[in-house]
């Protein structure tokens, strides 16, 4: 495996010159190239994003982001969660220039959907990184094993086996993610 160490500026240039690539940068400056999600995973991502977007549109509490948005975490990593949400006051505190680049903050809520090509241990470490950098809620969804891992600061991850819904309270007030689409007709 080839490992490249990139400065923040070099990473930004690489992303600008290759907008079709899915790239992240670790806190140590290592480049991570991610393969595109499979079609089924992409459809699931769209459904999950759509549910959060609809909830936020009704309540106007923040900003919702898809997997193409990158964020510069306090530890220096540049990450792109599959779905993210930032409380409106935190977003409003950013300058227009900060909003146009990889916003220098960790989202309040992140969701990662495990693709068949993803390593579960790597994704679990990524969710812990989000929480360590300020996320208030993180969900890791493993459709293959029908498991959900919920992360919150100061608590061990909670595991759920094939739940029909997942509550975002209190970070996402009155938001309940419908997961039945992920489990197929047998739910």
C-alpha atoms as a PDB file:
ATOM      1  CA  UNK A   1       0.000   0.000   0.000  1.00  0.00           C
ATOM      2  CA  UNK A   2       1.303   3.405  -0.989  1.00  0.00           C
ATOM      3  CA  UNK A   3       1.193   6.075   1.728  1.00  0.00           C
ATOM      4  CA  UNK A   4       1.550   9.744   0.866  1.00  0.00           C
ATOM      5  CA  UNK A   5       1.968  12.451   3.494  1.00  0.00           C
ATOM      6  CA  UNK A   6       0.361  15.706   2.408  1.00  0.00           C
ATOM      7  CA  UNK A   7       0.155  19.163   3.897  1.00  0.00           C
ATOM      8  CA  UNK A   8      -3.266  20.747   4.195  1.00  0.00           C
ATOM      9  CA  UNK A   9      -2.505  23.017   1.220  1.00  0.00           C
ATOM     10  CA  UNK A  10      -1.241  20.172  -0.975  1.00  0.00           C
ATOM     11  CA  UNK A  11      -4.328  18.119  -0.135  1.00  0.00           C
ATOM     12  CA  UNK A  12      -6.623  21.012  -1.118  1.00  0.00           C
ATOM     13  CA  UNK A  13      -4.779  21.390  -4.433  1.00  0.00           C
ATOM     14  CA  UNK A  14      -5.022  17.655  -5.107  1.00  0.00           C
ATOM     15  CA  UNK A  15      -8.781  17.729  -4.453  1.00  0.00           C
ATOM     16  CA  UNK A  16      -9.279  20.777  -6.689  1.00  0.00           C
ATOM     17  CA  UNK A  17      -7.364  19.125  -9.539  1.00  0.00           C
ATOM     18  CA  UNK A  18      -9.221  15.803  -9.107  1.00  0.00           C
ATOM     19  CA  UNK A  19     -12.828  16.623  -8.182  1.00  0.00           C
ATOM     20  CA  UNK A  20     -14.086  13.175  -9.167  1.00  0.00           C
ATOM     21  CA  UNK A  21     -11.895  11.377  -6.609  1.00  0.00           C
ATOM     22  CA  UNK A  22     -13.122  10.583  -3.084  1.00  0.00           C
ATOM     23  CA  UNK A  23     -10.220  11.590  -0.856  1.00  0.00           C
ATOM     24  CA  UNK A  24      -9.606  12.125   2.849  1.00  0.00           C
ATOM     25  CA  UNK A  25      -6.530  13.109   4.860  1.00  0.00           C
ATOM     26  CA  UNK A  26      -5.673  11.713   8.288  1.00  0.00           C
ATOM     27  CA  UNK A  27      -4.464  13.856  11.183  1.00  0.00           C
ATOM     28  CA  UNK A  28      -0.949  12.601  10.342  1.00  0.00           C
ATOM     29  CA  UNK A  29      -1.263  13.892   6.771  1.00  0.00           C
ATOM     30  CA  UNK A  30      -1.742  10.493   5.130  1.00  0.00           C
ATOM     31  CA  UNK A  31      -3.864  10.420   1.981  1.00  0.00           C
ATOM     32  CA  UNK A  32      -6.839   8.051   1.912  1.00  0.00           C
ATOM     33  CA  UNK A  33      -8.376   7.269  -1.483  1.00  0.00           C
ATOM     34  CA  UNK A  34     -11.810   5.686  -1.211  1.00  0.00           C
ATOM     35  CA  UNK A  35     -13.443   3.625  -3.882  1.00  0.00           C
ATOM     36  CA  UNK A  36     -16.880   4.703  -5.053  1.00  0.00           C
ATOM     37  CA  UNK A  37     -19.779   3.126  -3.189  1.00  0.00           C
ATOM     38  CA  UNK A  38     -21.697   0.349  -4.875  1.00  0.00           C
ATOM     39  CA  UNK A  39     -25.098   1.132  -6.340  1.00  0.00           C
ATOM     40  CA  UNK A  40     -27.043  -0.388  -3.446  1.00  0.00           C
ATOM     41  CA  UNK A  41     -24.972   1.550  -0.880  1.00  0.00           C
ATOM     42  CA  UNK A  42     -25.476   4.735  -2.910  1.00  0.00           C
ATOM     43  CA  UNK A  43     -29.242   4.226  -2.863  1.00  0.00           C
ATOM     44  CA  UNK A  44     -29.199   3.645   0.903  1.00  0.00           C
ATOM     45  CA  UNK A  45     -27.060   6.772   1.394  1.00  0.00           C
ATOM     46  CA  UNK A  46     -29.541   8.825  -0.638  1.00  0.00           C
ATOM     47  CA  UNK A  47     -32.453   7.585   1.464  1.00  0.00           C
ATOM     48  CA  UNK A  48     -30.696   8.310   4.766  1.00  0.00           C
ATOM     49  CA  UNK A  49     -29.545  11.742   3.597  1.00  0.00           C
ATOM     50  CA  UNK A  50     -33.036  12.526   2.317  1.00  0.00           C
ATOM     51  CA  UNK A  51     -34.611  11.737   5.671  1.00  0.00           C
ATOM     52  CA  UNK A  52     -32.219  14.071   7.518  1.00  0.00           C
ATOM     53  CA  UNK A  53     -32.616  16.760   4.853  1.00  0.00           C
ATOM     54  CA  UNK A  54     -36.425  16.628   5.122  1.00  0.00           C
ATOM     55  CA  UNK A  55     -36.303  16.843   8.931  1.00  0.00           C
ATOM     56  CA  UNK A  56     -33.925  19.811   8.759  1.00  0.00           C
ATOM     57  CA  UNK A  57     -35.948  21.567   6.080  1.00  0.00           C
ATOM     58  CA  UNK A  58     -39.002  21.468   8.339  1.00  0.00           C
ATOM     59  CA  UNK A  59     -37.138  22.662  11.442  1.00  0.00           C
ATOM     60  CA  UNK A  60     -34.401  24.908   9.993  1.00  0.00           C
ATOM     61  CA  UNK A  61     -31.988  24.031  12.822  1.00  0.00           C
ATOM     62  CA  UNK A  62     -28.787  23.661  10.825  1.00  0.00           C
ATOM     63  CA  UNK A  63     -27.121  22.554   7.607  1.00  0.00           C
ATOM     64  CA  UNK A  64     -27.111  19.049   6.119  1.00  0.00           C
ATOM     65  CA  UNK A  65     -24.175  17.767   4.043  1.00  0.00           C
ATOM     66  CA  UNK A  66     -23.632  14.793   1.765  1.00  0.00           C
ATOM     67  CA  UNK A  67     -20.485  12.733   1.317  1.00  0.00           C
ATOM     68  CA  UNK A  68     -18.922  15.223  -1.084  1.00  0.00           C
ATOM     69  CA  UNK A  69     -18.415  17.780   1.730  1.00  0.00           C
ATOM     70  CA  UNK A  70     -15.118  17.737   3.595  1.00  0.00           C
ATOM     71  CA  UNK A  71     -14.443  19.115   7.066  1.00  0.00           C
ATOM     72  CA  UNK A  72     -11.116  19.993   8.688  1.00  0.00           C
ATOM     73  CA  UNK A  73     -11.319  18.497  12.161  1.00  0.00           C
ATOM     74  CA  UNK A  74      -9.534  20.100  15.131  1.00  0.00           C
ATOM     75  CA  UNK A  75      -6.882  17.334  14.973  1.00  0.00           C
ATOM     76  CA  UNK A  76      -6.020  18.349  11.377  1.00  0.00           C
ATOM     77  CA  UNK A  77      -7.725  15.430   9.608  1.00  0.00           C
ATOM     78  CA  UNK A  78      -9.927  16.243   6.632  1.00  0.00           C
ATOM     79  CA  UNK A  79     -12.905  13.913   6.650  1.00  0.00           C
ATOM     80  CA  UNK A  80     -16.023  13.449   4.519  1.00  0.00           C
ATOM     81  CA  UNK A  81     -18.758  11.588   6.396  1.00  0.00           C
ATOM     82  CA  UNK A  82     -21.505   9.989   4.317  1.00  0.00           C
ATOM     83  CA  UNK A  83     -24.056  12.297   5.989  1.00  0.00           C
ATOM     84  CA  UNK A  84     -23.366  15.236   8.311  1.00  0.00           C
ATOM     85  CA  UNK A  85     -25.267  17.978  10.102  1.00  0.00           C
ATOM     86  CA  UNK A  86     -24.027  21.210  11.701  1.00  0.00           C
ATOM     87  CA  UNK A  87     -26.089  23.344  14.076  1.00  0.00           C
ATOM     88  CA  UNK A  88     -27.002  26.654  12.417  1.00  0.00           C
ATOM     89  CA  UNK A  89     -25.199  28.968  14.876  1.00  0.00           C
ATOM     90  CA  UNK A  90     -21.923  27.065  14.377  1.00  0.00           C
ATOM     91  CA  UNK A  91     -22.296  27.281  10.595  1.00  0.00           C
ATOM     92  CA  UNK A  92     -23.169  30.981  10.786  1.00  0.00           C
ATOM     93  CA  UNK A  93     -20.007  31.628  12.836  1.00  0.00           C
ATOM     94  CA  UNK A  94     -17.838  30.559   9.881  1.00  0.00           C
ATOM     95  CA  UNK A  95     -16.619  33.160   7.418  1.00  0.00           C
ATOM     96  CA  UNK A  96     -17.668  32.859   3.760  1.00  0.00           C
ATOM     97  CA  UNK A  97     -14.096  31.784   2.917  1.00  0.00           C
ATOM     98  CA  UNK A  98     -14.196  29.026   5.563  1.00  0.00           C
ATOM     99  CA  UNK A  99     -17.507  27.745   4.205  1.00  0.00           C
ATOM    100  CA  UNK A 100     -16.138  27.479   0.644  1.00  0.00           C
ATOM    101  CA  UNK A 101     -13.222  25.246   1.665  1.00  0.00           C
ATOM    102  CA  UNK A 102     -13.138  22.298   4.044  1.00  0.00           C
ATOM    103  CA  UNK A 103     -14.995  23.968   6.926  1.00  0.00           C
ATOM    104  CA  UNK A 104     -12.709  24.101   9.981  1.00  0.00           C
ATOM    105  CA  UNK A 105     -14.944  22.232  12.389  1.00  0.00           C
ATOM    106  CA  UNK A 106     -16.316  18.824  13.185  1.00  0.00           C
ATOM    107  CA  UNK A 107     -19.996  18.324  12.383  1.00  0.00           C
ATOM    108  CA  UNK A 108     -22.367  17.952  15.329  1.00  0.00           C
ATOM    109  CA  UNK A 109     -23.791  14.763  13.793  1.00  0.00           C
ATOM    110  CA  UNK A 110     -22.141  12.281  11.431  1.00  0.00           C
ATOM    111  CA  UNK A 111     -23.337   9.103   9.790  1.00  0.00           C
ATOM    112  CA  UNK A 112     -21.168   6.507   8.098  1.00  0.00           C
ATOM    113  CA  UNK A 113     -22.728   3.695   6.062  1.00  0.00           C
ATOM    114  CA  UNK A 114     -20.436   0.681   5.719  1.00  0.00           C
ATOM    115  CA  UNK A 115     -19.904  -0.359   2.114  1.00  0.00           C
ATOM    116  CA  UNK A 116     -18.958  -3.971   1.349  1.00  0.00           C
ATOM    117  CA  UNK A 117     -15.412  -2.756   0.590  1.00  0.00           C
ATOM    118  CA  UNK A 118     -15.071  -0.912   3.943  1.00  0.00           C
ATOM    119  CA  UNK A 119     -13.292  -2.313   6.982  1.00  0.00           C
ATOM    120  CA  UNK A 120     -15.522  -2.175  10.079  1.00  0.00           C
ATOM    121  CA  UNK A 121     -12.624  -1.558  12.496  1.00  0.00           C
ATOM    122  CA  UNK A 122     -11.433   1.382  10.378  1.00  0.00           C
ATOM    123  CA  UNK A 123     -14.917   2.886  10.345  1.00  0.00           C
ATOM    124  CA  UNK A 124     -15.297   2.425  14.104  1.00  0.00           C
ATOM    125  CA  UNK A 125     -12.007   4.286  14.610  1.00  0.00           C
ATOM    126  CA  UNK A 126     -13.264   7.030  12.303  1.00  0.00           C
ATOM    127  CA  UNK A 127     -16.448   7.443  14.390  1.00  0.00           C
ATOM    128  CA  UNK A 128     -14.323   7.661  17.548  1.00  0.00           C
ATOM    129  CA  UNK A 129     -12.228  10.327  15.826  1.00  0.00           C
ATOM    130  CA  UNK A 130     -15.350  12.363  15.079  1.00  0.00           C
ATOM    131  CA  UNK A 131     -16.475  12.144  18.714  1.00  0.00           C
ATOM    132  CA  UNK A 132     -12.973  13.021  19.976  1.00  0.00           C
ATOM    133  CA  UNK A 133     -13.051  16.101  17.720  1.00  0.00           C
ATOM    134  CA  UNK A 134     -16.416  17.462  18.815  1.00  0.00           C
ATOM    135  CA  UNK A 135     -19.231  15.478  17.205  1.00  0.00           C
ATOM    136  CA  UNK A 136     -22.135  15.059  19.616  1.00  0.00           C
ATOM    137  CA  UNK A 137     -23.660  12.054  17.858  1.00  0.00           C
ATOM    138  CA  UNK A 138     -22.346   9.553  15.343  1.00  0.00           C
ATOM    139  CA  UNK A 139     -24.012   6.560  13.743  1.00  0.00           C
ATOM    140  CA  UNK A 140     -22.206   3.728  11.983  1.00  0.00           C
ATOM    141  CA  UNK A 141     -24.551   1.537   9.971  1.00  0.00           C
ATOM    142  CA  UNK A 142     -23.438  -1.954   8.955  1.00  0.00           C
ATOM    143  CA  UNK A 143     -26.146  -3.269   6.627  1.00  0.00           C
ATOM    144  CA  UNK A 144     -24.397  -6.592   6.012  1.00  0.00           C
ATOM    145  CA  UNK A 145     -24.552  -7.546   9.703  1.00  0.00           C
ATOM    146  CA  UNK A 146     -27.692  -5.450  10.350  1.00  0.00           C
ATOM    147  CA  UNK A 147     -25.942  -3.616  13.183  1.00  0.00           C
ATOM    148  CA  UNK A 148     -25.955   0.057  14.172  1.00  0.00           C
ATOM    149  CA  UNK A 149     -23.311   1.587  16.415  1.00  0.00           C
ATOM    150  CA  UNK A 150     -24.258   4.880  18.089  1.00  0.00           C
ATOM    151  CA  UNK A 151     -21.463   7.104  19.418  1.00  0.00           C
ATOM    152  CA  UNK A 152     -21.798   9.937  21.945  1.00  0.00           C
ATOM    153  CA  UNK A 153     -19.131  11.808  23.930  1.00  0.00           C
ATOM    154  CA  UNK A 154     -18.155  10.198  27.224  1.00  0.00           C
ATOM    155  CA  UNK A 155     -20.075   6.980  26.537  1.00  0.00           C
ATOM    156  CA  UNK A 156     -19.144   3.619  25.069  1.00  0.00           C
ATOM    157  CA  UNK A 157     -20.735   2.966  21.666  1.00  0.00           C
ATOM    158  CA  UNK A 158     -24.244   1.535  21.836  1.00  0.00           C
ATOM    159  CA  UNK A 159     -25.006  -1.421  19.580  1.00  0.00           C
ATOM    160  CA  UNK A 160     -28.414  -2.006  18.032  1.00  0.00           C
ATOM    161  CA  UNK A 161     -29.427  -5.158  16.175  1.00  0.00           C
ATOM    162  CA  UNK A 162     -31.652  -4.400  13.174  1.00  0.00           C
ATOM    163  CA  UNK A 163     -33.669  -1.527  14.667  1.00  0.00           C
ATOM    164  CA  UNK A 164     -36.587  -0.137  12.671  1.00  0.00           C
ATOM    165  CA  UNK A 165     -35.825   3.428  13.798  1.00  0.00           C
ATOM    166  CA  UNK A 166     -33.077   5.339  15.556  1.00  0.00           C
ATOM    167  CA  UNK A 167     -33.689   8.509  17.578  1.00  0.00           C
ATOM    168  CA  UNK A 168     -31.427  11.543  17.149  1.00  0.00           C
ATOM    169  CA  UNK A 169     -32.636  13.240  20.345  1.00  0.00           C
ATOM    170  CA  UNK A 170     -31.439  15.511  21.837  1.00  0.00           C
ATOM    171  CA  UNK A 171     -28.852  16.547  19.182  1.00  0.00           C
ATOM    172  CA  UNK A 172     -31.399  16.177  16.368  1.00  0.00           C
ATOM    173  CA  UNK A 173     -34.655  17.019  18.183  1.00  0.00           C
ATOM    174  CA  UNK A 174     -37.589  14.802  17.187  1.00  0.00           C
ATOM    175  CA  UNK A 175     -35.605  13.135  14.396  1.00  0.00           C
ATOM    176  CA  UNK A 176     -36.166   9.396  14.004  1.00  0.00           C
ATOM    177  CA  UNK A 177     -34.264   7.700  11.199  1.00  0.00           C
ATOM    178  CA  UNK A 178     -36.372   5.042   9.469  1.00  0.00           C
ATOM    179  CA  UNK A 179     -34.070   2.093   8.851  1.00  0.00           C
ATOM    180  CA  UNK A 180     -36.561  -0.399   7.428  1.00  0.00           C
ATOM    181  CA  UNK A 181     -35.380   0.307   3.860  1.00  0.00           C
ATOM    182  CA  UNK A 182     -31.974  -1.101   4.827  1.00  0.00           C
ATOM    183  CA  UNK A 183     -33.291  -4.401   6.110  1.00  0.00           C
ATOM    184  CA  UNK A 184     -35.460  -5.247   3.095  1.00  0.00           C
ATOM    185  CA  UNK A 185     -38.922  -6.740   3.018  1.00  0.00           C
ATOM    186  CA  UNK A 186     -38.286  -9.103   5.911  1.00  0.00           C
ATOM    187  CA  UNK A 187     -38.591  -6.405   8.605  1.00  0.00           C
END
